[in-house]
């Protein structure tokens, strides 16, 4: 490859990256090229599914709610304002769908008779064969929604405080406070297996 060819290749590379980012795909979608929606889905579906799973702790619900998320995104994408990252926007929709599900679940509980056998402990007694990861997941699942969602986004999904605040539509200070409280609650709940975790 001669120097002219190399320079031409270097000049083309940034253009390929620019054409391939989320905003470019959204613009193409808005302009009528709806087939690019599949690429947006492909890029973000794993993260969306992870958020749903760790928020609801129920693998049976992941596909249904992920489908609801992407239907909502598809219907509203032409109104996207480019004022925030697409990731922030789609994760906010995902969190809201999870909250909707949890709200409906809590409403249904009001009308169901209480059964002691349905109440599960945060974790069972520890033995050598215990699945530590499952115990930690159970402890996270036992947190109230307002504490579980931000700590999942921060500690498991790697979101910044700013991204969490935007996705949850609250102040950064509120996010930090809830994450602190969640960590304190988890520390207390996981005390019996502290040695195994360390």
Protein backbone atom coordinates (compact mmCIF):
# COMPACT_ATOMS: atom_id res chain seq x y z
CA UNK A 1 0.00 0.00 0.00
CA UNK A 2 1.53 3.35 -1.05
CA UNK A 3 1.34 6.52 1.06
CA UNK A 4 -1.50 8.04 -0.98
CA UNK A 5 -3.64 4.94 -0.52
CA UNK A 6 -2.87 4.91 3.21
CA UNK A 7 -3.82 8.58 3.56
CA UNK A 8 -7.05 7.99 1.69
CA UNK A 9 -7.89 5.06 3.98
CA UNK A 10 -7.12 7.14 7.10
CA UNK A 11 -9.34 9.94 5.85
CA UNK A 12 -12.22 7.55 5.21
CA UNK A 13 -12.09 5.81 8.58
CA UNK A 14 -13.58 8.62 10.72
CA UNK A 15 -16.43 9.05 8.23
CA UNK A 16 -17.35 5.38 8.61
CA UNK A 17 -17.44 5.75 12.39
CA UNK A 18 -19.54 8.91 12.21
CA UNK A 19 -22.05 7.32 9.85
CA UNK A 20 -22.28 4.33 12.13
CA UNK A 21 -23.09 6.00 15.48
CA UNK A 22 -26.50 5.97 17.17
CA UNK A 23 -27.45 9.51 16.17
CA UNK A 24 -26.69 8.80 12.51
CA UNK A 25 -28.83 5.67 12.59
CA UNK A 26 -31.67 7.59 14.25
CA UNK A 27 -31.48 10.33 11.61
CA UNK A 28 -31.62 7.70 8.88
CA UNK A 29 -34.65 6.13 10.60
CA UNK A 30 -36.40 9.51 10.83
CA UNK A 31 -35.65 10.06 7.13
CA UNK A 32 -37.57 6.88 6.32
CA UNK A 33 -34.85 4.21 6.38
CA UNK A 34 -36.67 2.09 8.97
CA UNK A 35 -34.49 -0.97 8.36
CA UNK A 36 -31.71 0.61 10.47
CA UNK A 37 -33.85 0.04 13.57
CA UNK A 38 -32.63 -3.56 13.56
CA UNK A 39 -29.06 -2.30 14.01
CA UNK A 40 -30.09 -0.11 16.96
CA UNK A 41 -31.81 -3.10 18.55
CA UNK A 42 -28.78 -5.30 17.99
CA UNK A 43 -26.51 -2.74 19.68
CA UNK A 44 -28.61 -2.24 22.78
CA UNK A 45 -30.70 -5.38 23.31
CA UNK A 46 -28.20 -7.14 25.60
CA UNK A 47 -27.90 -4.14 27.91
CA UNK A 48 -31.68 -3.68 27.96
CA UNK A 49 -32.18 -7.37 28.76
CA UNK A 50 -29.56 -7.22 31.55
CA UNK A 51 -31.26 -4.22 33.16
CA UNK A 52 -34.63 -5.97 33.06
CA UNK A 53 -33.24 -9.19 34.51
CA UNK A 54 -31.34 -7.64 37.40
CA UNK A 55 -34.19 -5.22 38.16
CA UNK A 56 -36.99 -7.78 38.17
CA UNK A 57 -34.88 -10.86 39.01
CA UNK A 58 -37.14 -12.97 36.82
CA UNK A 59 -35.73 -14.43 33.60
CA UNK A 60 -39.23 -15.38 32.39
CA UNK A 61 -40.16 -11.71 32.03
CA UNK A 62 -37.07 -10.52 30.17
CA UNK A 63 -38.20 -11.22 26.59
CA UNK A 64 -41.70 -9.81 27.06
CA UNK A 65 -40.58 -6.58 28.67
CA UNK A 66 -37.65 -6.16 26.26
CA UNK A 67 -40.16 -6.44 23.43
CA UNK A 68 -42.33 -3.76 25.09
CA UNK A 69 -39.27 -1.52 25.38
CA UNK A 70 -38.35 -1.80 21.71
CA UNK A 71 -41.96 -1.34 20.57
CA UNK A 72 -42.07 1.89 22.60
CA UNK A 73 -38.71 2.98 21.18
CA UNK A 74 -39.87 2.22 17.63
CA UNK A 75 -43.11 4.17 18.05
CA UNK A 76 -41.39 7.21 19.58
CA UNK A 77 -38.02 7.29 17.81
CA UNK A 78 -39.15 9.89 15.27
CA UNK A 79 -39.73 12.27 18.20
CA UNK A 80 -36.19 11.79 19.58
CA UNK A 81 -34.76 15.27 20.27
CA UNK A 82 -30.99 14.53 20.26
CA UNK A 83 -30.72 16.39 23.59
CA UNK A 84 -29.27 13.38 25.43
CA UNK A 85 -27.53 10.16 24.49
CA UNK A 86 -29.74 7.50 22.91
CA UNK A 87 -28.52 5.09 25.58
CA UNK A 88 -29.87 7.34 28.35
CA UNK A 89 -33.21 7.57 26.58
CA UNK A 90 -33.63 3.84 25.94
CA UNK A 91 -32.50 2.88 29.46
CA UNK A 92 -35.01 5.36 30.93
CA UNK A 93 -37.75 3.63 28.92
CA UNK A 94 -36.47 0.25 30.15
CA UNK A 95 -36.51 1.35 33.79
CA UNK A 96 -40.01 2.80 33.41
CA UNK A 97 -41.26 -0.48 31.92
CA UNK A 98 -39.75 -2.35 34.88
CA UNK A 99 -41.36 0.09 37.31
CA UNK A 100 -44.72 -0.35 35.56
CA UNK A 101 -44.44 -4.11 35.97
CA UNK A 102 -43.48 -3.81 39.64
CA UNK A 103 -46.34 -1.38 40.27
CA UNK A 104 -48.86 -3.76 38.70
CA UNK A 105 -47.38 -6.65 40.67
CA UNK A 106 -47.72 -4.72 43.94
CA UNK A 107 -51.32 -3.78 43.11
CA UNK A 108 -52.15 -7.43 42.40
CA UNK A 109 -50.68 -8.42 45.78
CA UNK A 110 -53.28 -6.26 47.53
CA UNK A 111 -56.06 -8.45 46.14
CA UNK A 112 -54.38 -11.79 46.79
CA UNK A 113 -54.74 -13.64 50.10
CA UNK A 114 -51.53 -13.81 52.10
CA UNK A 115 -49.87 -17.22 52.15
CA UNK A 116 -46.95 -17.78 54.46
CA UNK A 117 -45.47 -20.46 52.24
CA UNK A 118 -45.04 -17.95 49.41
CA UNK A 119 -42.72 -15.79 51.45
CA UNK A 120 -39.13 -16.68 50.64
CA UNK A 121 -36.17 -15.80 52.85
CA UNK A 122 -33.49 -13.51 51.45
CA UNK A 123 -31.12 -16.47 51.61
CA UNK A 124 -31.04 -19.88 53.21
CA UNK A 125 -28.47 -21.17 55.70
CA UNK A 126 -24.99 -21.29 54.24
CA UNK A 127 -23.25 -24.56 53.46
CA UNK A 128 -20.30 -25.58 51.33
CA UNK A 129 -22.44 -26.09 48.22
CA UNK A 130 -24.18 -22.70 48.40
CA UNK A 131 -24.24 -20.62 45.25
CA UNK A 132 -22.79 -17.33 46.49
CA UNK A 133 -23.85 -15.45 43.36
CA UNK A 134 -27.44 -16.56 43.80
CA UNK A 135 -27.39 -15.48 47.45
CA UNK A 136 -26.14 -12.03 46.46
CA UNK A 137 -28.81 -11.82 43.72
CA UNK A 138 -31.47 -12.74 46.28
CA UNK A 139 -30.21 -10.05 48.64
CA UNK A 140 -30.35 -7.47 45.84
CA UNK A 141 -33.84 -8.65 44.88
CA UNK A 142 -34.99 -8.09 48.47
CA UNK A 143 -34.11 -4.37 48.32
CA UNK A 144 -36.94 -1.86 47.76
CA UNK A 145 -37.30 -0.82 44.11
CA UNK A 146 -35.97 2.70 44.68
CA UNK A 147 -32.74 1.27 46.15
CA UNK A 148 -32.37 -1.79 43.92
CA UNK A 149 -32.59 -0.03 40.56
CA UNK A 150 -29.81 2.56 41.13
CA UNK A 151 -27.38 0.09 42.72
CA UNK A 152 -27.95 -2.37 39.88
CA UNK A 153 -27.28 0.35 37.31
CA UNK A 154 -24.17 1.59 39.14
CA UNK A 155 -22.49 -1.55 40.45
CA UNK A 156 -23.62 -4.19 37.94
CA UNK A 157 -24.13 -2.19 34.74
CA UNK A 158 -21.42 0.47 35.23
CA UNK A 159 -23.60 3.56 34.74
CA UNK A 160 -22.29 6.94 35.94
CA UNK A 161 -24.23 8.86 38.60
CA UNK A 162 -25.24 11.37 35.91
CA UNK A 163 -26.57 8.64 33.61
CA UNK A 164 -28.55 7.06 36.46
CA UNK A 165 -30.01 10.43 37.46
CA UNK A 166 -31.10 11.09 33.88
CA UNK A 167 -32.51 7.59 33.42
CA UNK A 168 -34.40 7.71 36.73
CA UNK A 169 -35.33 11.39 36.34
CA UNK A 170 -34.05 12.48 39.73
CA UNK A 171 -31.18 14.48 41.23
CA UNK A 172 -27.62 13.10 41.39
CA UNK A 173 -27.67 13.62 45.17
CA UNK A 174 -30.75 11.40 45.41
CA UNK A 175 -29.02 8.69 43.35
CA UNK A 176 -25.90 8.79 45.55
CA UNK A 177 -28.00 8.64 48.72
CA UNK A 178 -30.01 5.65 47.49
CA UNK A 179 -26.90 3.78 46.37
CA UNK A 180 -25.28 4.39 49.77
CA UNK A 181 -28.39 3.10 51.55
CA UNK A 182 -28.57 0.09 49.23
CA UNK A 183 -24.93 -0.81 49.90
CA UNK A 184 -25.47 -0.51 53.66
CA UNK A 185 -28.56 -2.75 53.45
CA UNK A 186 -26.67 -5.33 51.37
CA UNK A 187 -23.71 -5.27 53.74
CA UNK A 188 -26.08 -6.05 56.61
CA UNK A 189 -28.00 -8.73 54.70
CA UNK A 190 -24.81 -10.45 53.51
CA UNK A 191 -23.01 -10.38 56.85
CA UNK A 192 -23.47 -14.15 57.40
CA UNK A 193 -21.46 -14.89 54.25
CA UNK A 194 -18.90 -12.08 54.58
CA UNK A 195 -15.97 -14.54 54.77
CA UNK A 196 -17.05 -16.35 51.61
CA UNK A 197 -17.43 -13.06 49.74
CA UNK A 198 -14.01 -11.82 50.82
